[in-house]
Amino acid sequence: MEIGVVKLTNTKEYPFNNSETTVALKFEQADTEYAVLTEKLAPFDGVGEVCVFDKAVNGFKIAFNGSAKSADVRYLVF
């Protein structure tokens, strides 16, 4: 299990969004079937959904799809 916090930043105007970032895992996973839970820490408004995608054994990509300029997101990998 691994827990971390990532700051996502969006410099585009809505409806466009470039908040995608790559999270490197400290511990390599056996395969890509691991789960990632996310929690929005701040702000709560304008973030929309937090999406996890492109999982690899050593990391994954994460982004939000709302109009906020930035968001802090906690993630839990298990």
PDB file of N, CA and C in Angstrom:
ATOM      1  N   MET A   1       0.842  -1.172   0.000  1.00  0.00           N
ATOM      2  CA  MET A   1       0.000   0.000   0.000  1.00  0.00           C
ATOM      3  C   MET A   1       0.894   1.244   0.000  1.00  0.00           C
ATOM      4  N   GLU A   2       0.456   2.255  -0.718  1.00  0.00           N
ATOM      5  CA  GLU A   2       1.215   3.495  -0.823  1.00  0.00           C
ATOM      6  C   GLU A   2       0.245   4.672  -0.794  1.00  0.00           C
ATOM      7  N   ILE A   3       0.584   5.697  -0.010  1.00  0.00           N
ATOM      8  CA  ILE A   3      -0.241   6.896   0.103  1.00  0.00           C
ATOM      9  C   ILE A   3       0.602   8.096  -0.271  1.00  0.00           C
ATOM     10  N   GLY A   4       0.009   9.047  -0.998  1.00  0.00           N
ATOM     11  CA  GLY A   4       0.720  10.257  -1.367  1.00  0.00           C
ATOM     12  C   GLY A   4      -0.249  11.385  -1.689  1.00  0.00           C
ATOM     13  N   VAL A   5       0.301  12.571  -1.866  1.00  0.00           N
ATOM     14  CA  VAL A   5      -0.476  13.750  -2.249  1.00  0.00           C
ATOM     15  C   VAL A   5       0.192  14.361  -3.464  1.00  0.00           C
ATOM     16  N   VAL A   6      -0.624  14.750  -4.434  1.00  0.00           N
ATOM     17  CA  VAL A   6      -0.107  15.377  -5.644  1.00  0.00           C
ATOM     18  C   VAL A   6      -0.874  16.674  -5.885  1.00  0.00           C
ATOM     19  N   LYS A   7      -0.170  17.710  -6.334  1.00  0.00           N
ATOM     20  CA  LYS A   7      -0.810  18.973  -6.707  1.00  0.00           C
ATOM     21  C   LYS A   7      -0.963  18.979  -8.222  1.00  0.00           C
ATOM     22  N   LEU A   8      -2.202  19.104  -8.682  1.00  0.00           N
ATOM     23  CA  LEU A   8      -2.504  19.159 -10.107  1.00  0.00           C
ATOM     24  C   LEU A   8      -2.763  20.616 -10.477  1.00  0.00           C
ATOM     25  N   THR A   9      -2.186  21.071 -11.579  1.00  0.00           N
ATOM     26  CA  THR A   9      -2.317  22.458 -12.014  1.00  0.00           C
ATOM     27  C   THR A   9      -2.886  22.523 -13.413  1.00  0.00           C
ATOM     28  N   ASN A  10      -3.856  23.412 -13.604  1.00  0.00           N
ATOM     29  CA  ASN A  10      -4.502  23.618 -14.897  1.00  0.00           C
ATOM     30  C   ASN A  10      -4.268  25.059 -15.335  1.00  0.00           C
ATOM     31  N   THR A  11      -3.626  25.260 -16.490  1.00  0.00           N
ATOM     32  CA  THR A  11      -3.363  26.611 -16.988  1.00  0.00           C
ATOM     33  C   THR A  11      -4.274  27.003 -18.147  1.00  0.00           C
ATOM     34  N   LYS A  12      -5.192  26.125 -18.521  1.00  0.00           N
ATOM     35  CA  LYS A  12      -6.104  26.392 -19.644  1.00  0.00           C
ATOM     36  C   LYS A  12      -7.421  26.980 -19.138  1.00  0.00           C
ATOM     37  N   GLU A  13      -8.138  27.650 -20.044  1.00  0.00           N
ATOM     38  CA  GLU A  13      -9.473  28.166 -19.736  1.00  0.00           C
ATOM     39  C   GLU A  13     -10.509  27.086 -20.015  1.00  0.00           C
ATOM     40  N   TYR A  14     -11.553  27.033 -19.164  1.00  0.00           N
ATOM     41  CA  TYR A  14     -12.626  26.054 -19.347  1.00  0.00           C
ATOM     42  C   TYR A  14     -13.269  26.251 -20.709  1.00  0.00           C
ATOM     43  N   PRO A  15     -13.545  25.199 -21.474  1.00  0.00           N
ATOM     44  CA  PRO A  15     -13.648  23.791 -21.116  1.00  0.00           C
ATOM     45  C   PRO A  15     -12.366  22.996 -21.313  1.00  0.00           C
ATOM     46  N   PHE A  16     -11.253  23.645 -21.560  1.00  0.00           N
ATOM     47  CA  PHE A  16      -9.994  22.937 -21.762  1.00  0.00           C
ATOM     48  C   PHE A  16      -9.294  22.739 -20.426  1.00  0.00           C
ATOM     49  N   ASN A  17      -8.445  21.703 -20.349  1.00  0.00           N
ATOM     50  CA  ASN A  17      -7.806  21.356 -19.089  1.00  0.00           C
ATOM     51  C   ASN A  17      -6.511  20.609 -19.378  1.00  0.00           C
ATOM     52  N   ASN A  18      -5.429  21.031 -18.738  1.00  0.00           N
ATOM     53  CA  ASN A  18      -4.149  20.342 -18.900  1.00  0.00           C
ATOM     54  C   ASN A  18      -3.549  19.958 -17.545  1.00  0.00           C
ATOM     55  N   SER A  19      -4.396  19.449 -16.647  1.00  0.00           N
ATOM     56  CA  SER A  19      -3.954  19.113 -15.293  1.00  0.00           C
ATOM     57  C   SER A  19      -3.281  17.746 -15.178  1.00  0.00           C
ATOM     58  N   GLU A  20      -3.146  17.033 -16.276  1.00  0.00           N
ATOM     59  CA  GLU A  20      -2.567  15.688 -16.251  1.00  0.00           C
ATOM     60  C   GLU A  20      -1.127  15.703 -15.747  1.00  0.00           C
ATOM     61  N   THR A  21      -0.820  14.776 -14.854  1.00  0.00           N
ATOM     62  CA  THR A  21       0.547  14.595 -14.387  1.00  0.00           C
ATOM     63  C   THR A  21       0.798  13.105 -14.133  1.00  0.00           C
ATOM     64  N   THR A  22       2.055  12.725 -14.108  1.00  0.00           N
ATOM     65  CA  THR A  22       2.439  11.337 -13.857  1.00  0.00           C
ATOM     66  C   THR A  22       2.896  11.190 -12.417  1.00  0.00           C
ATOM     67  N   VAL A  23       2.411  10.159 -11.757  1.00  0.00           N
ATOM     68  CA  VAL A  23       2.810   9.835 -10.387  1.00  0.00           C
ATOM     69  C   VAL A  23       3.701   8.605 -10.446  1.00  0.00           C
ATOM     70  N   ALA A  24       4.925   8.734  -9.958  1.00  0.00           N
ATOM     71  CA  ALA A  24       5.853   7.601  -9.883  1.00  0.00           C
ATOM     72  C   ALA A  24       5.651   6.894  -8.550  1.00  0.00           C
ATOM     73  N   LEU A  25       5.464   5.591  -8.593  1.00  0.00           N
ATOM     74  CA  LEU A  25       5.272   4.813  -7.372  1.00  0.00           C
ATOM     75  C   LEU A  25       6.625   4.497  -6.734  1.00  0.00           C
ATOM     76  N   LYS A  26       6.660   4.517  -5.416  1.00  0.00           N
ATOM     77  CA  LYS A  26       7.887   4.179  -4.690  1.00  0.00           C
ATOM     78  C   LYS A  26       8.169   2.678  -4.758  1.00  0.00           C
ATOM     79  N   PHE A  27       7.080   1.888  -4.796  1.00  0.00           N
ATOM     80  CA  PHE A  27       7.202   0.432  -4.832  1.00  0.00           C
ATOM     81  C   PHE A  27       6.556  -0.089  -6.105  1.00  0.00           C
ATOM     82  N   GLU A  28       7.334  -0.782  -6.924  1.00  0.00           N
ATOM     83  CA  GLU A  28       6.800  -1.340  -8.168  1.00  0.00           C
ATOM     84  C   GLU A  28       5.736  -2.391  -7.861  1.00  0.00           C
ATOM     85  N   GLN A  29       4.650  -2.341  -8.621  1.00  0.00           N
ATOM     86  CA  GLN A  29       3.538  -3.280  -8.446  1.00  0.00           C
ATOM     87  C   GLN A  29       3.801  -4.552  -9.270  1.00  0.00           C
ATOM     88  N   ALA A  30       3.149  -5.640  -8.898  1.00  0.00           N
ATOM     89  CA  ALA A  30       3.313  -6.910  -9.609  1.00  0.00           C
ATOM     90  C   ALA A  30       2.733  -6.839 -11.018  1.00  0.00           C
ATOM     91  N   ASP A  31       1.633  -6.088 -11.180  1.00  0.00           N
ATOM     92  CA  ASP A  31       0.992  -5.911 -12.480  1.00  0.00           C
ATOM     93  C   ASP A  31       0.191  -4.611 -12.441  1.00  0.00           C
ATOM     94  N   THR A  32      -0.604  -4.360 -13.466  1.00  0.00           N
ATOM     95  CA  THR A  32      -1.366  -3.109 -13.536  1.00  0.00           C
ATOM     96  C   THR A  32      -2.794  -3.250 -13.005  1.00  0.00           C
ATOM     97  N   GLU A  33      -3.076  -4.321 -12.305  1.00  0.00           N
ATOM     98  CA  GLU A  33      -4.415  -4.552 -11.761  1.00  0.00           C
ATOM     99  C   GLU A  33      -4.610  -3.950 -10.369  1.00  0.00           C
ATOM    100  N   TYR A  34      -3.717  -3.074  -9.927  1.00  0.00           N
ATOM    101  CA  TYR A  34      -3.867  -2.429  -8.623  1.00  0.00           C
ATOM    102  C   TYR A  34      -4.961  -1.357  -8.680  1.00  0.00           C
ATOM    103  N   ALA A  35      -5.468  -1.015  -7.510  1.00  0.00           N
ATOM    104  CA  ALA A  35      -6.511   0.015  -7.411  1.00  0.00           C
ATOM    105  C   ALA A  35      -5.916   1.309  -6.877  1.00  0.00           C
ATOM    106  N   VAL A  36      -6.481   2.441  -7.313  1.00  0.00           N
ATOM    107  CA  VAL A  36      -6.070   3.755  -6.828  1.00  0.00           C
ATOM    108  C   VAL A  36      -7.324   4.494  -6.374  1.00  0.00           C
ATOM    109  N   LEU A  37      -7.388   4.809  -5.089  1.00  0.00           N
ATOM    110  CA  LEU A  37      -8.466   5.632  -4.558  1.00  0.00           C
ATOM    111  C   LEU A  37      -7.968   7.068  -4.460  1.00  0.00           C
ATOM    112  N   THR A  38      -8.840   8.030  -4.763  1.00  0.00           N
ATOM    113  CA  THR A  38      -8.444   9.436  -4.708  1.00  0.00           C
ATOM    114  C   THR A  38      -9.388  10.213  -3.809  1.00  0.00           C
ATOM    115  N   GLU A  39      -8.861  11.292  -3.218  1.00  0.00           N
ATOM    116  CA  GLU A  39      -9.645  12.187  -2.373  1.00  0.00           C
ATOM    117  C   GLU A  39      -9.229  13.622  -2.674  1.00  0.00           C
ATOM    118  N   LYS A  40     -10.180  14.467  -3.020  1.00  0.00           N
ATOM    119  CA  LYS A  40      -9.898  15.882  -3.248  1.00  0.00           C
ATOM    120  C   LYS A  40      -9.669  16.545  -1.896  1.00  0.00           C
ATOM    121  N   LEU A  41      -8.531  17.228  -1.741  1.00  0.00           N
ATOM    122  CA  LEU A  41      -8.228  17.917  -0.492  1.00  0.00           C
ATOM    123  C   LEU A  41      -8.602  19.387  -0.570  1.00  0.00           C
ATOM    124  N   ALA A  42      -8.236  20.064  -1.640  1.00  0.00           N
ATOM    125  CA  ALA A  42      -8.555  21.486  -1.806  1.00  0.00           C
ATOM    126  C   ALA A  42      -8.336  21.858  -3.257  1.00  0.00           C
ATOM    127  N   PRO A  43      -9.087  22.688  -3.846  1.00  0.00           N
ATOM    128  CA  PRO A  43     -10.410  23.126  -3.410  1.00  0.00           C
ATOM    129  C   PRO A  43     -11.435  22.038  -3.701  1.00  0.00           C
ATOM    130  N   PHE A  44     -12.631  22.211  -3.208  1.00  0.00           N
ATOM    131  CA  PHE A  44     -13.695  21.248  -3.486  1.00  0.00           C
ATOM    132  C   PHE A  44     -14.517  21.675  -4.696  1.00  0.00           C
ATOM    133  N   ASP A  45     -14.620  22.960  -4.947  1.00  0.00           N
ATOM    134  CA  ASP A  45     -15.419  23.472  -6.062  1.00  0.00           C
ATOM    135  C   ASP A  45     -14.569  23.594  -7.322  1.00  0.00           C
ATOM    136  N   GLY A  46     -15.156  23.231  -8.443  1.00  0.00           N
ATOM    137  CA  GLY A  46     -14.503  23.423  -9.731  1.00  0.00           C
ATOM    138  C   GLY A  46     -13.535  22.344 -10.155  1.00  0.00           C
ATOM    139  N   VAL A  47     -13.302  21.362  -9.315  1.00  0.00           N
ATOM    140  CA  VAL A  47     -12.343  20.310  -9.655  1.00  0.00           C
ATOM    141  C   VAL A  47     -12.972  19.279 -10.583  1.00  0.00           C
ATOM    142  N   GLY A  48     -14.236  18.987 -10.390  1.00  0.00           N
ATOM    143  CA  GLY A  48     -14.891  17.947 -11.184  1.00  0.00           C
ATOM    144  C   GLY A  48     -14.442  16.584 -10.715  1.00  0.00           C
ATOM    145  N   GLU A  49     -14.318  15.656 -11.648  1.00  0.00           N
ATOM    146  CA  GLU A  49     -13.889  14.301 -11.317  1.00  0.00           C
ATOM    147  C   GLU A  49     -12.371  14.188 -11.382  1.00  0.00           C
ATOM    148  N   VAL A  50     -11.817  13.383 -10.498  1.00  0.00           N
ATOM    149  CA  VAL A  50     -10.397  13.040 -10.545  1.00  0.00           C
ATOM    150  C   VAL A  50     -10.300  11.709 -11.274  1.00  0.00           C
ATOM    151  N   CYS A  51      -9.463  11.652 -12.302  1.00  0.00           N
ATOM    152  CA  CYS A  51      -9.347  10.464 -13.146  1.00  0.00           C
ATOM    153  C   CYS A  51      -7.946   9.867 -13.029  1.00  0.00           C
ATOM    154  N   VAL A  52      -7.876   8.555 -12.876  1.00  0.00           N
ATOM    155  CA  VAL A  52      -6.610   7.813 -12.870  1.00  0.00           C
ATOM    156  C   VAL A  52      -6.605   6.951 -14.127  1.00  0.00           C
ATOM    157  N   PHE A  53      -5.511   7.001 -14.878  1.00  0.00           N
ATOM    158  CA  PHE A  53      -5.455   6.272 -16.145  1.00  0.00           C
ATOM    159  C   PHE A  53      -4.007   5.943 -16.495  1.00  0.00           C
ATOM    160  N   ASP A  54      -3.821   5.197 -17.560  1.00  0.00           N
ATOM    161  CA  ASP A  54      -2.489   4.783 -18.038  1.00  0.00           C
ATOM    162  C   ASP A  54      -1.633   4.176 -16.925  1.00  0.00           C
ATOM    163  N   LYS A  55      -2.224   3.234 -16.181  1.00  0.00           N
ATOM    164  CA  LYS A  55      -1.475   2.597 -15.098  1.00  0.00           C
ATOM    165  C   LYS A  55      -0.355   1.723 -15.667  1.00  0.00           C
ATOM    166  N   ALA A  56       0.786   1.791 -15.026  1.00  0.00           N
ATOM    167  CA  ALA A  56       1.938   0.941 -15.322  1.00  0.00           C
ATOM    168  C   ALA A  56       2.396   0.358 -13.985  1.00  0.00           C
ATOM    169  N   VAL A  57       3.306  -0.590 -13.996  1.00  0.00           N
ATOM    170  CA  VAL A  57       3.746  -1.208 -12.744  1.00  0.00           C
ATOM    171  C   VAL A  57       4.527  -0.236 -11.859  1.00  0.00           C
ATOM    172  N   ASN A  58       5.045   0.850 -12.441  1.00  0.00           N
ATOM    173  CA  ASN A  58       5.837   1.799 -11.667  1.00  0.00           C
ATOM    174  C   ASN A  58       5.199   3.183 -11.552  1.00  0.00           C
ATOM    175  N   GLY A  59       3.944   3.342 -11.981  1.00  0.00           N
ATOM    176  CA  GLY A  59       3.288   4.638 -11.856  1.00  0.00           C
ATOM    177  C   GLY A  59       1.991   4.709 -12.635  1.00  0.00           C
ATOM    178  N   PHE A  60       1.376   5.881 -12.604  1.00  0.00           N
ATOM    179  CA  PHE A  60       0.110   6.110 -13.297  1.00  0.00           C
ATOM    180  C   PHE A  60      -0.038   7.598 -13.575  1.00  0.00           C
ATOM    181  N   LYS A  61      -1.014   7.946 -14.407  1.00  0.00           N
ATOM    182  CA  LYS A  61      -1.322   9.338 -14.680  1.00  0.00           C
ATOM    183  C   LYS A  61      -2.597   9.700 -13.938  1.00  0.00           C
ATOM    184  N   ILE A  62      -2.688  10.969 -13.545  1.00  0.00           N
ATOM    185  CA  ILE A  62      -3.841  11.454 -12.800  1.00  0.00           C
ATOM    186  C   ILE A  62      -4.167  12.864 -13.280  1.00  0.00           C
ATOM    187  N   ALA A  63      -5.453  13.198 -13.315  1.00  0.00           N
ATOM    188  CA  ALA A  63      -5.901  14.523 -13.759  1.00  0.00           C
ATOM    189  C   ALA A  63      -7.285  14.790 -13.193  1.00  0.00           C
ATOM    190  N   PHE A  64      -7.710  16.046 -13.251  1.00  0.00           N
ATOM    191  CA  PHE A  64      -9.105  16.370 -12.955  1.00  0.00           C
ATOM    192  C   PHE A  64      -9.711  16.992 -14.200  1.00  0.00           C
ATOM    193  N   ASN A  65     -11.052  16.995 -14.295  1.00  0.00           N
ATOM    194  CA  ASN A  65     -11.679  17.470 -15.526  1.00  0.00           C
ATOM    195  C   ASN A  65     -12.515  18.735 -15.344  1.00  0.00           C
ATOM    196  N   GLY A  66     -12.352  19.430 -14.245  1.00  0.00           N
ATOM    197  CA  GLY A  66     -13.122  20.638 -13.989  1.00  0.00           C
ATOM    198  C   GLY A  66     -12.404  21.906 -14.401  1.00  0.00           C
ATOM    199  N   SER A  67     -12.924  23.043 -13.944  1.00  0.00           N
ATOM    200  CA  SER A  67     -12.412  24.352 -14.340  1.00  0.00           C
ATOM    201  C   SER A  67     -11.458  24.969 -13.326  1.00  0.00           C
ATOM    202  N   ALA A  68     -11.181  24.303 -12.219  1.00  0.00           N
ATOM    203  CA  ALA A  68     -10.283  24.845 -11.196  1.00  0.00           C
ATOM    204  C   ALA A  68      -8.884  25.065 -11.762  1.00  0.00           C
ATOM    205  N   LYS A  69      -8.165  25.989 -11.184  1.00  0.00           N
ATOM    206  CA  LYS A  69      -6.784  26.256 -11.614  1.00  0.00           C
ATOM    207  C   LYS A  69      -5.791  25.273 -10.999  1.00  0.00           C
ATOM    208  N   SER A  70      -6.122  24.718  -9.842  1.00  0.00           N
ATOM    209  CA  SER A  70      -5.262  23.717  -9.225  1.00  0.00           C
ATOM    210  C   SER A  70      -6.081  22.909  -8.226  1.00  0.00           C
ATOM    211  N   ALA A  71      -5.548  21.759  -7.853  1.00  0.00           N
ATOM    212  CA  ALA A  71      -6.200  20.902  -6.867  1.00  0.00           C
ATOM    213  C   ALA A  71      -5.158  20.024  -6.200  1.00  0.00           C
ATOM    214  N   ASP A  72      -5.294  19.856  -4.901  1.00  0.00           N
ATOM    215  CA  ASP A  72      -4.478  18.904  -4.161  1.00  0.00           C
ATOM    216  C   ASP A  72      -5.287  17.622  -4.029  1.00  0.00           C
ATOM    217  N   VAL A  73      -4.688  16.503  -4.409  1.00  0.00           N
ATOM    218  CA  VAL A  73      -5.379  15.219  -4.398  1.00  0.00           C
ATOM    219  C   VAL A  73      -4.538  14.203  -3.638  1.00  0.00           C
ATOM    220  N   ARG A  74      -5.168  13.523  -2.685  1.00  0.00           N
ATOM    221  CA  ARG A  74      -4.522  12.416  -1.972  1.00  0.00           C
ATOM    222  C   ARG A  74      -4.855  11.139  -2.734  1.00  0.00           C
ATOM    223  N   TYR A  75      -3.888  10.248  -2.856  1.00  0.00           N
ATOM    224  CA  TYR A  75      -4.129   8.965  -3.512  1.00  0.00           C
ATOM    225  C   TYR A  75      -3.665   7.822  -2.625  1.00  0.00           C
ATOM    226  N   LEU A  76      -4.346   6.706  -2.754  1.00  0.00           N
ATOM    227  CA  LEU A  76      -4.025   5.486  -2.035  1.00  0.00           C
ATOM    228  C   LEU A  76      -3.949   4.365  -3.051  1.00  0.00           C
ATOM    229  N   VAL A  77      -2.799   3.720  -3.132  1.00  0.00           N
ATOM    230  CA  VAL A  77      -2.582   2.616  -4.066  1.00  0.00           C
ATOM    231  C   VAL A  77      -2.570   1.320  -3.271  1.00  0.00           C
ATOM    232  N   PHE A  78      -3.381   0.351  -3.711  1.00  0.00           N
ATOM    233  CA  PHE A  78      -3.374  -0.962  -3.069  1.00  0.00           C
ATOM    234  C   PHE A  78      -3.725  -2.043  -4.050  1.00  0.00           C
TER     235      PHE A  78
END
